Amino acid sequence: MTVEVVAPVEFQSSVIGGLNTRRGTIIDSEVRDDEFTCIAEVALNDMFGYSNQLRGSTQGKGEFSMEYKNHMPVLPSLQKEMEEAYRKTLPQTKK
């Protein structure tokens, strides 16, 4: 997903840090007057709960939007977790 965040300049470091913890890649960052805009690419799976994090880190003054970009391969570690979770849902077979 392409994520665009607009927030007051004083929260720039906490917003960028929040995107980095969600394994986001910062594409562009720009400051105008007392606001900054940050554009990043972040997997949709990593964006769940971001609105609460952004609200908390910007005292409710930040906003964001997301736009679909493309499908990406799942990280190997996440794929392994998903496979293990799926296997636990399968009925046990008798040998």
PDB file of N, CA and C in Angstrom:
ATOM      1  N   MET A   1       0.842  -1.164   0.000  1.00  0.00           N
ATOM      2  CA  MET A   1       0.000   0.000   0.000  1.00  0.00           C
ATOM      3  C   MET A   1       0.893   1.235   0.000  1.00  0.00           C
ATOM      4  N   THR A   2       0.455   2.242  -0.731  1.00  0.00           N
ATOM      5  CA  THR A   2       1.108   3.534  -0.641  1.00  0.00           C
ATOM      6  C   THR A   2       0.389   4.312   0.450  1.00  0.00           C
ATOM      7  N   VAL A   3       1.127   4.761   1.438  1.00  0.00           N
ATOM      8  CA  VAL A   3       0.552   5.449   2.592  1.00  0.00           C
ATOM      9  C   VAL A   3       1.048   6.887   2.590  1.00  0.00           C
ATOM     10  N   GLU A   4       0.122   7.823   2.730  1.00  0.00           N
ATOM     11  CA  GLU A   4       0.476   9.236   2.830  1.00  0.00           C
ATOM     12  C   GLU A   4       0.031   9.740   4.194  1.00  0.00           C
ATOM     13  N   VAL A   5       0.970  10.295   4.943  1.00  0.00           N
ATOM     14  CA  VAL A   5       0.682  10.805   6.283  1.00  0.00           C
ATOM     15  C   VAL A   5       0.936  12.305   6.285  1.00  0.00           C
ATOM     16  N   VAL A   6      -0.016  13.059   6.828  1.00  0.00           N
ATOM     17  CA  VAL A   6       0.128  14.506   6.988  1.00  0.00           C
ATOM     18  C   VAL A   6      -0.031  14.808   8.472  1.00  0.00           C
ATOM     19  N   ALA A   7       0.946  15.513   9.034  1.00  0.00           N
ATOM     20  CA  ALA A   7       0.919  15.817  10.470  1.00  0.00           C
ATOM     21  C   ALA A   7       1.744  17.072  10.731  1.00  0.00           C
ATOM     22  N   PRO A   8       1.576  17.689  11.899  1.00  0.00           N
ATOM     23  CA  PRO A   8       2.419  18.827  12.262  1.00  0.00           C
ATOM     24  C   PRO A   8       3.898  18.420  12.328  1.00  0.00           C
ATOM     25  N   VAL A   9       4.764  19.372  12.018  1.00  0.00           N
ATOM     26  CA  VAL A   9       6.205  19.116  11.928  1.00  0.00           C
ATOM     27  C   VAL A   9       6.774  18.556  13.229  1.00  0.00           C
ATOM     28  N   GLU A  10       6.255  18.984  14.378  1.00  0.00           N
ATOM     29  CA  GLU A  10       6.840  18.526  15.647  1.00  0.00           C
ATOM     30  C   GLU A  10       6.701  17.023  15.863  1.00  0.00           C
ATOM     31  N   PHE A  11       5.836  16.369  15.072  1.00  0.00           N
ATOM     32  CA  PHE A  11       5.644  14.927  15.219  1.00  0.00           C
ATOM     33  C   PHE A  11       6.320  14.122  14.108  1.00  0.00           C
ATOM     34  N   GLN A  12       7.157  14.774  13.318  1.00  0.00           N
ATOM     35  CA  GLN A  12       7.768  14.105  12.165  1.00  0.00           C
ATOM     36  C   GLN A  12       8.550  12.863  12.567  1.00  0.00           C
ATOM     37  N   SER A  13       9.377  12.954  13.577  1.00  0.00           N
ATOM     38  CA  SER A  13      10.211  11.798  13.939  1.00  0.00           C
ATOM     39  C   SER A  13       9.371  10.642  14.468  1.00  0.00           C
ATOM     40  N   SER A  14       8.332  10.923  15.241  1.00  0.00           N
ATOM     41  CA  SER A  14       7.514   9.825  15.766  1.00  0.00           C
ATOM     42  C   SER A  14       6.690   9.169  14.664  1.00  0.00           C
ATOM     43  N   VAL A  15       6.248   9.946  13.676  1.00  0.00           N
ATOM     44  CA  VAL A  15       5.488   9.368  12.556  1.00  0.00           C
ATOM     45  C   VAL A  15       6.390   8.473  11.712  1.00  0.00           C
ATOM     46  N   ILE A  16       7.575   8.962  11.388  1.00  0.00           N
ATOM     47  CA  ILE A  16       8.505   8.167  10.580  1.00  0.00           C
ATOM     48  C   ILE A  16       8.940   6.924  11.357  1.00  0.00           C
ATOM     49  N   GLY A  17       9.170   7.068  12.641  1.00  0.00           N
ATOM     50  CA  GLY A  17       9.507   5.908  13.466  1.00  0.00           C
ATOM     51  C   GLY A  17       8.389   4.877  13.480  1.00  0.00           C
ATOM     52  N   GLY A  18       7.149   5.342  13.545  1.00  0.00           N
ATOM     53  CA  GLY A  18       6.007   4.433  13.521  1.00  0.00           C
ATOM     54  C   GLY A  18       5.899   3.669  12.219  1.00  0.00           C
ATOM     55  N   LEU A  19       6.185   4.348  11.107  1.00  0.00           N
ATOM     56  CA  LEU A  19       6.163   3.666   9.808  1.00  0.00           C
ATOM     57  C   LEU A  19       7.307   2.664   9.705  1.00  0.00           C
ATOM     58  N   ASN A  20       8.457   3.019  10.253  1.00  0.00           N
ATOM     59  CA  ASN A  20       9.597   2.099  10.225  1.00  0.00           C
ATOM     60  C   ASN A  20       9.331   0.844  11.051  1.00  0.00           C
ATOM     61  N   THR A  21       8.659   0.980  12.191  1.00  0.00           N
ATOM     62  CA  THR A  21       8.367  -0.202  12.999  1.00  0.00           C
ATOM     63  C   THR A  21       7.384  -1.127  12.295  1.00  0.00           C
ATOM     64  N   ARG A  22       6.648  -0.587  11.347  1.00  0.00           N
ATOM     65  CA  ARG A  22       5.717  -1.402  10.557  1.00  0.00           C
ATOM     66  C   ARG A  22       6.370  -1.870   9.251  1.00  0.00           C
ATOM     67  N   ARG A  23       7.673  -1.859   9.231  1.00  0.00           N
ATOM     68  CA  ARG A  23       8.466  -2.304   8.075  1.00  0.00           C
ATOM     69  C   ARG A  23       8.149  -1.502   6.816  1.00  0.00           C
ATOM     70  N   GLY A  24       7.854  -0.222   7.001  1.00  0.00           N
ATOM     71  CA  GLY A  24       7.561   0.650   5.870  1.00  0.00           C
ATOM     72  C   GLY A  24       8.831   1.172   5.229  1.00  0.00           C
ATOM     73  N   THR A  25       8.728   1.485   3.948  1.00  0.00           N
ATOM     74  CA  THR A  25       9.826   2.098   3.214  1.00  0.00           C
ATOM     75  C   THR A  25       9.427   3.532   2.906  1.00  0.00           C
ATOM     76  N   ILE A  26      10.174   4.496   3.427  1.00  0.00           N
ATOM     77  CA  ILE A  26       9.869   5.903   3.200  1.00  0.00           C
ATOM     78  C   ILE A  26      10.269   6.252   1.769  1.00  0.00           C
ATOM     79  N   ILE A  27       9.313   6.755   1.004  1.00  0.00           N
ATOM     80  CA  ILE A  27       9.555   7.121  -0.391  1.00  0.00           C
ATOM     81  C   ILE A  27       9.878   8.603  -0.513  1.00  0.00           C
ATOM     82  N   ASP A  28       9.138   9.437   0.219  1.00  0.00           N
ATOM     83  CA  ASP A  28       9.314  10.882   0.110  1.00  0.00           C
ATOM     84  C   ASP A  28       8.851  11.533   1.406  1.00  0.00           C
ATOM     85  N   SER A  29       9.459  12.644   1.735  1.00  0.00           N
ATOM     86  CA  SER A  29       9.056  13.420   2.900  1.00  0.00           C
ATOM     87  C   SER A  29       9.245  14.886   2.555  1.00  0.00           C
ATOM     88  N   GLU A  30       8.246  15.691   2.882  1.00  0.00           N
ATOM     89  CA  GLU A  30       8.304  17.096   2.494  1.00  0.00           C
ATOM     90  C   GLU A  30       7.691  17.944   3.606  1.00  0.00           C
ATOM     91  N   VAL A  31       8.296  19.103   3.863  1.00  0.00           N
ATOM     92  CA  VAL A  31       7.810  20.006   4.898  1.00  0.00           C
ATOM     93  C   VAL A  31       7.295  21.273   4.235  1.00  0.00           C
ATOM     94  N   ARG A  32       6.068  21.655   4.615  1.00  0.00           N
ATOM     95  CA  ARG A  32       5.474  22.911   4.141  1.00  0.00           C
ATOM     96  C   ARG A  32       4.892  23.632   5.344  1.00  0.00           C
ATOM     97  N   ASP A  33       5.292  24.858   5.525  1.00  0.00           N
ATOM     98  CA  ASP A  33       4.829  25.666   6.655  1.00  0.00           C
ATOM     99  C   ASP A  33       5.013  24.894   7.960  1.00  0.00           C
ATOM    100  N   ASP A  34       3.938  24.575   8.657  1.00  0.00           N
ATOM    101  CA  ASP A  34       4.066  23.865   9.929  1.00  0.00           C
ATOM    102  C   ASP A  34       3.595  22.419   9.836  1.00  0.00           C
ATOM    103  N   GLU A  35       3.424  21.910   8.608  1.00  0.00           N
ATOM    104  CA  GLU A  35       3.012  20.521   8.394  1.00  0.00           C
ATOM    105  C   GLU A  35       4.050  19.779   7.569  1.00  0.00           C
ATOM    106  N   PHE A  36       4.082  18.484   7.726  1.00  0.00           N
ATOM    107  CA  PHE A  36       4.925  17.681   6.857  1.00  0.00           C
ATOM    108  C   PHE A  36       4.082  16.559   6.273  1.00  0.00           C
ATOM    109  N   THR A  37       4.505  16.122   5.097  1.00  0.00           N
ATOM    110  CA  THR A  37       3.852  15.014   4.410  1.00  0.00           C
ATOM    111  C   THR A  37       4.891  13.935   4.204  1.00  0.00           C
ATOM    112  N   CYS A  38       4.534  12.718   4.536  1.00  0.00           N
ATOM    113  CA  CYS A  38       5.423  11.579   4.366  1.00  0.00           C
ATOM    114  C   CYS A  38       4.709  10.542   3.514  1.00  0.00           C
ATOM    115  N   ILE A  39       5.378  10.063   2.486  1.00  0.00           N
ATOM    116  CA  ILE A  39       4.830   9.014   1.633  1.00  0.00           C
ATOM    117  C   ILE A  39       5.688   7.777   1.822  1.00  0.00           C
ATOM    118  N   ALA A  40       5.026   6.654   2.073  1.00  0.00           N
ATOM    119  CA  ALA A  40       5.736   5.401   2.343  1.00  0.00           C
ATOM    120  C   ALA A  40       4.998   4.242   1.696  1.00  0.00           C
ATOM    121  N   GLU A  41       5.706   3.133   1.567  1.00  0.00           N
ATOM    122  CA  GLU A  41       5.098   1.884   1.114  1.00  0.00           C
ATOM    123  C   GLU A  41       5.127   0.916   2.287  1.00  0.00           C
ATOM    124  N   VAL A  42       3.937   0.420   2.649  1.00  0.00           N
ATOM    125  CA  VAL A  42       3.806  -0.475   3.795  1.00  0.00           C
ATOM    126  C   VAL A  42       2.830  -1.578   3.416  1.00  0.00           C
ATOM    127  N   ALA A  43       3.124  -2.800   3.811  1.00  0.00           N
ATOM    128  CA  ALA A  43       2.210  -3.913   3.551  1.00  0.00           C
ATOM    129  C   ALA A  43       0.902  -3.687   4.306  1.00  0.00           C
ATOM    130  N   LEU A  44      -0.208  -4.029   3.676  1.00  0.00           N
ATOM    131  CA  LEU A  44      -1.517  -3.849   4.303  1.00  0.00           C
ATOM    132  C   LEU A  44      -1.595  -4.586   5.633  1.00  0.00           C
ATOM    133  N   ASN A  45      -1.039  -5.768   5.690  1.00  0.00           N
ATOM    134  CA  ASN A  45      -1.055  -6.557   6.925  1.00  0.00           C
ATOM    135  C   ASN A  45      -0.403  -5.808   8.090  1.00  0.00           C
ATOM    136  N   ASP A  46       0.575  -4.967   7.797  1.00  0.00           N
ATOM    137  CA  ASP A  46       1.276  -4.222   8.839  1.00  0.00           C
ATOM    138  C   ASP A  46       0.579  -2.917   9.213  1.00  0.00           C
ATOM    139  N   MET A  47      -0.479  -2.554   8.497  1.00  0.00           N
ATOM    140  CA  MET A  47      -1.162  -1.289   8.754  1.00  0.00           C
ATOM    141  C   MET A  47      -2.313  -1.403   9.748  1.00  0.00           C
ATOM    142  N   PHE A  48      -2.694  -2.613  10.136  1.00  0.00           N
ATOM    143  CA  PHE A  48      -3.796  -2.755  11.077  1.00  0.00           C
ATOM    144  C   PHE A  48      -3.430  -2.102  12.407  1.00  0.00           C
ATOM    145  N   GLY A  49      -4.301  -1.242  12.906  1.00  0.00           N
ATOM    146  CA  GLY A  49      -4.064  -0.531  14.152  1.00  0.00           C
ATOM    147  C   GLY A  49      -3.280   0.758  13.994  1.00  0.00           C
ATOM    148  N   TYR A  50      -2.927   1.118  12.759  1.00  0.00           N
ATOM    149  CA  TYR A  50      -2.104   2.316  12.566  1.00  0.00           C
ATOM    150  C   TYR A  50      -2.850   3.591  12.944  1.00  0.00           C
ATOM    151  N   SER A  51      -4.149   3.643  12.710  1.00  0.00           N
ATOM    152  CA  SER A  51      -4.885   4.870  13.036  1.00  0.00           C
ATOM    153  C   SER A  51      -4.775   5.196  14.525  1.00  0.00           C
ATOM    154  N   ASN A  52      -4.843   4.182  15.373  1.00  0.00           N
ATOM    155  CA  ASN A  52      -4.690   4.413  16.817  1.00  0.00           C
ATOM    156  C   ASN A  52      -3.280   4.867  17.162  1.00  0.00           C
ATOM    157  N   GLN A  53      -2.287   4.247  16.525  1.00  0.00           N
ATOM    158  CA  GLN A  53      -0.902   4.636  16.795  1.00  0.00           C
ATOM    159  C   GLN A  53      -0.655   6.075  16.352  1.00  0.00           C
ATOM    160  N   LEU A  54      -1.152   6.428  15.169  1.00  0.00           N
ATOM    161  CA  LEU A  54      -0.949   7.784  14.649  1.00  0.00           C
ATOM    162  C   LEU A  54      -1.661   8.804  15.534  1.00  0.00           C
ATOM    163  N   ARG A  55      -2.865   8.495  15.940  1.00  0.00           N
ATOM    164  CA  ARG A  55      -3.621   9.403  16.807  1.00  0.00           C
ATOM    165  C   ARG A  55      -2.863   9.641  18.110  1.00  0.00           C
ATOM    166  N   GLY A  56      -2.321   8.578  18.671  1.00  0.00           N
ATOM    167  CA  GLY A  56      -1.581   8.705  19.925  1.00  0.00           C
ATOM    168  C   GLY A  56      -0.269   9.450  19.775  1.00  0.00           C
ATOM    169  N   SER A  57       0.439   9.208  18.688  1.00  0.00           N
ATOM    170  CA  SER A  57       1.760   9.822  18.529  1.00  0.00           C
ATOM    171  C   SER A  57       1.692  11.262  18.028  1.00  0.00           C
ATOM    172  N   THR A  58       0.519  11.703  17.543  1.00  0.00           N
ATOM    173  CA  THR A  58       0.387  13.082  17.048  1.00  0.00           C
ATOM    174  C   THR A  58      -0.650  13.878  17.834  1.00  0.00           C
ATOM    175  N   GLN A  59      -1.061  13.366  18.980  1.00  0.00           N
ATOM    176  CA  GLN A  59      -2.087  14.011  19.805  1.00  0.00           C
ATOM    177  C   GLN A  59      -3.366  14.263  19.005  1.00  0.00           C
ATOM    178  N   GLY A  60      -3.679  13.350  18.095  1.00  0.00           N
ATOM    179  CA  GLY A  60      -4.892  13.438  17.292  1.00  0.00           C
ATOM    180  C   GLY A  60      -4.816  14.400  16.124  1.00  0.00           C
ATOM    181  N   LYS A  61      -3.630  14.944  15.829  1.00  0.00           N
ATOM    182  CA  LYS A  61      -3.497  15.960  14.784  1.00  0.00           C
ATOM    183  C   LYS A  61      -3.031  15.400  13.446  1.00  0.00           C
ATOM    184  N   GLY A  62      -2.662  14.131  13.394  1.00  0.00           N
ATOM    185  CA  GLY A  62      -2.181  13.532  12.151  1.00  0.00           C
ATOM    186  C   GLY A  62      -3.294  12.801  11.428  1.00  0.00           C
ATOM    187  N   GLU A  63      -3.150  12.689  10.124  1.00  0.00           N
ATOM    188  CA  GLU A  63      -4.105  11.920   9.326  1.00  0.00           C
ATOM    189  C   GLU A  63      -3.345  11.160   8.253  1.00  0.00           C
ATOM    190  N   PHE A  64      -3.953  10.096   7.754  1.00  0.00           N
ATOM    191  CA  PHE A  64      -3.286   9.312   6.727  1.00  0.00           C
ATOM    192  C   PHE A  64      -4.303   8.765   5.744  1.00  0.00           C
ATOM    193  N   SER A  65      -3.790   8.403   4.573  1.00  0.00           N
ATOM    194  CA  SER A  65      -4.610   7.729   3.565  1.00  0.00           C
ATOM    195  C   SER A  65      -3.777   6.605   2.973  1.00  0.00           C
ATOM    196  N   MET A  66      -4.468   5.584   2.479  1.00  0.00           N
ATOM    197  CA  MET A  66      -3.791   4.441   1.869  1.00  0.00           C
ATOM    198  C   MET A  66      -4.348   4.229   0.475  1.00  0.00           C
ATOM    199  N   GLU A  67      -3.478   3.774  -0.414  1.00  0.00           N
ATOM    200  CA  GLU A  67      -3.882   3.452  -1.777  1.00  0.00           C
ATOM    201  C   GLU A  67      -3.200   2.149  -2.184  1.00  0.00           C
ATOM    202  N   TYR A  68      -3.980   1.269  -2.797  1.00  0.00           N
ATOM    203  CA  TYR A  68      -3.415  -0.008  -3.242  1.00  0.00           C
ATOM    204  C   TYR A  68      -2.308   0.249  -4.254  1.00  0.00           C
ATOM    205  N   LYS A  69      -1.211  -0.479  -4.120  1.00  0.00           N
ATOM    206  CA  LYS A  69      -0.114  -0.360  -5.079  1.00  0.00           C
ATOM    207  C   LYS A  69       0.063  -1.654  -5.854  1.00  0.00           C
ATOM    208  N   ASN A  70       0.412  -2.743  -5.183  1.00  0.00           N
ATOM    209  CA  ASN A  70       0.586  -4.027  -5.862  1.00  0.00           C
ATOM    210  C   ASN A  70       0.684  -5.151  -4.835  1.00  0.00           C
ATOM    211  N   HIS A  71       0.645  -6.365  -5.337  1.00  0.00           N
ATOM    212  CA  HIS A  71       0.849  -7.528  -4.477  1.00  0.00           C
ATOM    213  C   HIS A  71       2.343  -7.777  -4.345  1.00  0.00           C
ATOM    214  N   MET A  72       2.763  -8.146  -3.165  1.00  0.00           N
ATOM    215  CA  MET A  72       4.167  -8.449  -2.908  1.00  0.00           C
ATOM    216  C   MET A  72       4.248  -9.831  -2.278  1.00  0.00           C
ATOM    217  N   PRO A  73       5.377 -10.523  -2.439  1.00  0.00           N
ATOM    218  CA  PRO A  73       5.532 -11.829  -1.788  1.00  0.00           C
ATOM    219  C   PRO A  73       5.532 -11.679  -0.264  1.00  0.00           C
ATOM    220  N   VAL A  74       5.052 -12.699   0.400  1.00  0.00           N
ATOM    221  CA  VAL A  74       5.054 -12.727   1.863  1.00  0.00           C
ATOM    222  C   VAL A  74       6.480 -12.984   2.334  1.00  0.00           C
ATOM    223  N   LEU A  75       6.870 -12.328   3.414  1.00  0.00           N
ATOM    224  CA  LEU A  75       8.195 -12.575   3.981  1.00  0.00           C
ATOM    225  C   LEU A  75       8.288 -14.030   4.428  1.00  0.00           C
ATOM    226  N   PRO A  76       9.437 -14.674   4.249  1.00  0.00           N
ATOM    227  CA  PRO A  76       9.573 -16.091   4.608  1.00  0.00           C
ATOM    228  C   PRO A  76       9.194 -16.394   6.058  1.00  0.00           C
ATOM    229  N   SER A  77       9.566 -15.536   6.985  1.00  0.00           N
ATOM    230  CA  SER A  77       9.237 -15.790   8.395  1.00  0.00           C
ATOM    231  C   SER A  77       7.727 -15.729   8.626  1.00  0.00           C
ATOM    232  N   LEU A  78       7.054 -14.794   7.980  1.00  0.00           N
ATOM    233  CA  LEU A  78       5.602 -14.685   8.112  1.00  0.00           C
ATOM    234  C   LEU A  78       4.906 -15.859   7.430  1.00  0.00           C
ATOM    235  N   GLN A  79       5.453 -16.293   6.301  1.00  0.00           N
ATOM    236  CA  GLN A  79       4.882 -17.444   5.605  1.00  0.00           C
ATOM    237  C   GLN A  79       4.944 -18.689   6.493  1.00  0.00           C
ATOM    238  N   LYS A  80       6.058 -18.872   7.177  1.00  0.00           N
ATOM    239  CA  LYS A  80       6.205 -20.032   8.063  1.00  0.00           C
ATOM    240  C   LYS A  80       5.179 -19.975   9.194  1.00  0.00           C
ATOM    241  N   GLU A  81       4.976 -18.796   9.782  1.00  0.00           N
ATOM    242  CA  GLU A  81       3.974 -18.637  10.839  1.00  0.00           C
ATOM    243  C   GLU A  81       2.581 -18.978  10.329  1.00  0.00           C
ATOM    244  N   MET A  82       2.265 -18.510   9.123  1.00  0.00           N
ATOM    245  CA  MET A  82       0.944 -18.759   8.541  1.00  0.00           C
ATOM    246  C   MET A  82       0.738 -20.248   8.266  1.00  0.00           C
ATOM    247  N   GLU A  83       1.782 -20.913   7.770  1.00  0.00           N
ATOM    248  CA  GLU A  83       1.687 -22.350   7.502  1.00  0.00           C
ATOM    249  C   GLU A  83       1.456 -23.131   8.795  1.00  0.00           C
ATOM    250  N   GLU A  84       2.176 -22.775   9.854  1.00  0.00           N
ATOM    251  CA  GLU A  84       2.015 -23.462  11.140  1.00  0.00           C
ATOM    252  C   GLU A  84       0.615 -23.237  11.709  1.00  0.00           C
ATOM    253  N   ALA A  85       0.107 -22.028  11.591  1.00  0.00           N
ATOM    254  CA  ALA A  85      -1.245 -21.740  12.083  1.00  0.00           C
ATOM    255  C   ALA A  85      -2.279 -22.536  11.296  1.00  0.00           C
ATOM    256  N   TYR A  86      -2.069 -22.660   9.994  1.00  0.00           N
ATOM    257  CA  TYR A  86      -2.999 -23.426   9.163  1.00  0.00           C
ATOM    258  C   TYR A  86      -2.961 -24.905   9.537  1.00  0.00           C
ATOM    259  N   ARG A  87      -1.765 -25.439   9.740  1.00  0.00           N
ATOM    260  CA  ARG A  87      -1.633 -26.858  10.090  1.00  0.00           C
ATOM    261  C   ARG A  87      -2.339 -27.178  11.410  1.00  0.00           C
ATOM    262  N   LYS A  88      -2.352 -26.239  12.334  1.00  0.00           N
ATOM    263  CA  LYS A  88      -3.028 -26.455  13.614  1.00  0.00           C
ATOM    264  C   LYS A  88      -4.539 -26.560  13.443  1.00  0.00           C
ATOM    265  N   THR A  89      -5.075 -25.977  12.375  1.00  0.00           N
ATOM    266  CA  THR A  89      -6.527 -26.035  12.150  1.00  0.00           C
ATOM    267  C   THR A  89      -6.950 -27.332  11.480  1.00  0.00           C
ATOM    268  N   LEU A  90      -6.004 -28.072  10.905  1.00  0.00           N
ATOM    269  CA  LEU A  90      -6.336 -29.322  10.226  1.00  0.00           C
ATOM    270  C   LEU A  90      -6.610 -30.421  11.245  1.00  0.00           C
ATOM    271  N   PRO A  91      -7.557 -31.309  10.944  1.00  0.00           N
ATOM    272  CA  PRO A  91      -7.799 -32.427  11.867  1.00  0.00           C
ATOM    273  C   PRO A  91      -6.594 -33.365  11.874  1.00  0.00           C
ATOM    274  N   GLN A  92      -6.316 -33.920  13.033  1.00  0.00           N
ATOM    275  CA  GLN A  92      -5.192 -34.845  13.167  1.00  0.00           C
ATOM    276  C   GLN A  92      -5.553 -36.166  12.494  1.00  0.00           C
ATOM    277  N   THR A  93      -4.642 -36.689  11.682  1.00  0.00           N
ATOM    278  CA  THR A  93      -4.873 -37.976  11.016  1.00  0.00           C
ATOM    279  C   THR A  93      -4.214 -39.087  11.817  1.00  0.00           C
ATOM    280  N   LYS A  94      -4.879 -40.237  11.869  1.00  0.00           N
ATOM    281  CA  LYS A  94      -4.316 -41.390  12.579  1.00  0.00           C
ATOM    282  C   LYS A  94      -3.399 -42.148  11.637  1.00  0.00           C
ATOM    283  N   LYS A  95      -2.282 -42.605  12.171  1.00  0.00           N
ATOM    284  CA  LYS A  95      -1.322 -43.339  11.338  1.00  0.00           C
ATOM    285  C   LYS A  95      -1.404 -44.805  11.601  1.00  0.00           C
TER     286      LYS A  95
END
